Protein backbone atom coordinates (compact mmCIF):
# COMPACT_ATOMS: atom_id res chain seq x y z
CA MET A 1 36.06 -3.54 22.16
CA LEU A 2 39.40 -5.31 20.87
CA PRO A 3 40.53 -4.77 17.13
CA PHE A 4 40.08 -7.11 14.64
CA HIS A 5 42.76 -9.70 14.13
CA HIS A 6 43.00 -12.77 12.08
CA ARG A 7 43.79 -15.11 14.95
CA ASP A 8 40.98 -13.49 17.25
CA PRO A 9 38.55 -11.67 15.41
CA GLY A 10 36.36 -10.63 18.43
CA ILE A 11 33.09 -9.44 17.66
CA VAL A 12 33.62 -9.75 13.95
CA GLY A 13 34.14 -13.31 14.14
CA LEU A 14 30.99 -13.87 16.27
CA LEU A 15 28.93 -12.01 13.76
CA THR A 16 29.66 -13.24 10.76
CA SER A 17 30.54 -17.49 12.59
CA ASP A 18 27.93 -19.76 10.96
CA ARG A 19 28.66 -21.60 13.96
CA LEU A 20 26.29 -19.63 16.25
CA PRO A 21 23.74 -21.95 18.06
CA PRO A 22 20.50 -22.48 16.35
CA GLY A 23 17.35 -20.89 17.63
CA ARG A 24 19.57 -18.42 19.59
CA GLN A 25 19.43 -14.86 19.27
CA ILE A 26 22.79 -12.89 19.50
CA PHE A 27 22.85 -9.32 21.03
CA TYR A 28 25.88 -6.99 20.83
CA GLY A 29 26.53 -3.47 22.05
CA MET A 30 28.17 -0.62 20.30
CA ILE A 31 29.16 3.25 21.31
CA SER A 32 28.20 5.09 18.31
CA ASP A 33 29.19 8.41 19.65
CA GLY A 34 31.95 9.17 16.67
CA MET A 35 34.53 8.44 19.18
CA HIS A 36 34.56 5.11 20.11
CA THR A 37 33.71 3.19 17.04
CA ASN A 38 34.39 4.15 13.46
CA PRO A 39 31.45 4.32 11.03
CA ALA A 40 32.94 1.71 8.71
CA ALA A 41 32.71 -0.56 11.73
CA LEU A 42 29.45 0.48 12.47
CA ARG A 43 28.50 -0.40 8.94
CA ILE A 44 30.00 -3.61 9.00
CA ALA A 45 28.29 -4.80 12.51
CA HIS A 46 24.81 -3.14 11.21
CA ARG A 47 25.47 -5.52 7.84
CA ALA A 48 26.70 -8.69 9.30
CA HIS A 49 24.20 -8.90 12.33
CA PRO A 50 21.52 -6.06 12.15
CA GLN A 51 18.78 -7.82 13.98
CA GLY A 52 21.34 -8.02 17.66
CA LEU A 53 22.58 -4.66 17.17
CA VAL A 54 22.03 -2.53 20.55
CA LEU A 55 23.40 0.72 20.80
CA VAL A 56 24.87 2.20 23.82
CA THR A 57 26.58 5.30 25.26
CA ASP A 58 29.30 5.07 28.18
CA ALA A 59 27.91 8.71 29.25
CA ILE A 60 29.51 9.17 32.68
CA PRO A 61 27.32 11.35 35.32
CA ALA A 62 28.72 15.03 34.10
CA LEU A 63 26.21 14.51 31.17
CA GLY A 64 24.42 17.37 30.94
CA LEU A 65 26.76 19.61 33.44
CA GLY A 66 28.61 21.29 30.55
CA ASN A 67 32.08 21.87 29.97
CA GLY A 68 34.55 22.22 32.99
CA ARG A 69 35.58 20.40 36.01
CA HIS A 70 33.48 17.95 37.84
CA THR A 71 33.86 14.73 39.73
CA LEU A 72 33.89 11.04 38.71
CA GLY A 73 33.69 9.01 41.88
CA GLN A 74 36.66 10.34 43.67
CA GLN A 75 38.18 11.52 40.00
CA GLU A 76 37.89 14.87 39.13
CA VAL A 77 37.48 14.98 35.36
CA GLU A 78 37.39 17.78 32.74
CA VAL A 79 34.44 17.98 30.25
CA ASP A 80 35.20 19.41 27.04
CA GLY A 81 32.44 19.07 24.38
CA LEU A 82 31.48 15.41 24.38
CA THR A 83 34.63 14.24 26.04
CA ALA A 84 35.60 14.03 29.76
CA TYR A 85 39.26 13.84 30.39
CA VAL A 86 41.23 12.98 33.91
CA ALA A 87 41.57 16.37 35.15
CA GLY A 88 44.86 18.06 33.70
CA THR A 89 45.51 15.09 31.03
CA LYS A 90 44.28 13.86 27.71
CA THR A 91 43.56 10.63 29.32
CA LEU A 92 39.58 9.65 28.45
CA SER A 93 37.52 8.90 30.99
CA GLY A 94 34.15 8.57 28.95
CA SER A 95 31.80 10.45 27.49
CA ILE A 96 28.96 12.81 27.97
CA THR A 97 27.34 11.87 24.90
CA PRO A 98 23.60 11.41 25.34
CA MET A 99 21.99 8.58 23.45
CA ASP A 100 20.17 10.72 21.10
CA VAL A 101 23.57 11.93 19.69
CA CYS A 102 24.39 8.27 19.20
CA VAL A 103 21.39 7.17 17.55
CA ARG A 104 22.00 10.34 14.91
CA HIS A 105 25.53 9.31 14.67
CA PHE A 106 24.47 5.50 13.97
CA LEU A 107 22.00 6.78 11.70
CA GLN A 108 24.23 9.07 9.36
CA ALA A 109 26.60 5.98 9.33
CA THR A 110 24.67 2.84 7.93
CA ASP A 111 21.93 2.00 5.62
CA PHE A 112 18.89 0.82 7.18
CA VAL A 113 15.25 0.39 6.51
CA MET A 114 12.28 1.60 9.16
CA LEU A 115 9.21 -0.81 9.50
CA ASP A 116 5.98 -0.52 11.21
CA ASP A 117 4.20 -2.96 13.47
CA SER A 118 2.83 -4.92 10.82
CA LEU A 119 6.38 -5.07 9.15
CA HIS A 120 5.69 -2.87 6.17
CA ILE A 121 8.37 -0.64 4.67
CA GLN A 122 8.09 2.70 5.87
CA ALA A 123 11.42 4.24 4.98
CA THR A 124 14.73 3.43 3.55
CA TYR A 125 17.75 5.34 4.27
CA ILE A 126 21.34 4.94 2.46
CA SER A 127 24.37 6.61 4.35
CA GLY A 128 21.95 8.04 6.85
CA GLU A 129 19.98 10.08 4.12
CA LEU A 130 16.19 9.47 3.38
CA VAL A 131 16.08 7.99 0.10
CA TRP A 132 12.49 6.56 0.18
CA GLN A 133 9.31 6.74 2.30
CA ALA A 134 5.89 5.37 2.11
CA GLU A 135 3.10 7.46 0.85
CA GLU A 136 1.13 7.10 4.11
CA ALA A 137 4.34 7.92 6.34
CA ARG A 138 4.80 11.48 4.62
CA GLN A 139 1.45 12.67 5.96
């Protein structure tokens, strides 16, 4: 994702634009693995356009294989925790962050409301902390 610049605001400009075509839904993806996207950027994007946010991961095939050396196509990569580097370097070659970790990181970084199928509020979170829950949701 390109950084914000006053002459080319990128995704921030798109999400806050008042010139979107009427009736068009804009969807955008963000990698919320704690490495690719700063929590503040997640909050800005979510607050600007929450209905279009799609969480994604850039996990490579080494996901779930554990620390050590693995292959990515013909490239040898070295996995250390949730990060994969080109073997023998500190050049990132992707992550091995599973989607559930991305979702948890997003939930910790943002404020959000959970709705049921009838659009009734079931819970409210601030900075990932549950601050209110509907009585029926507690049971």
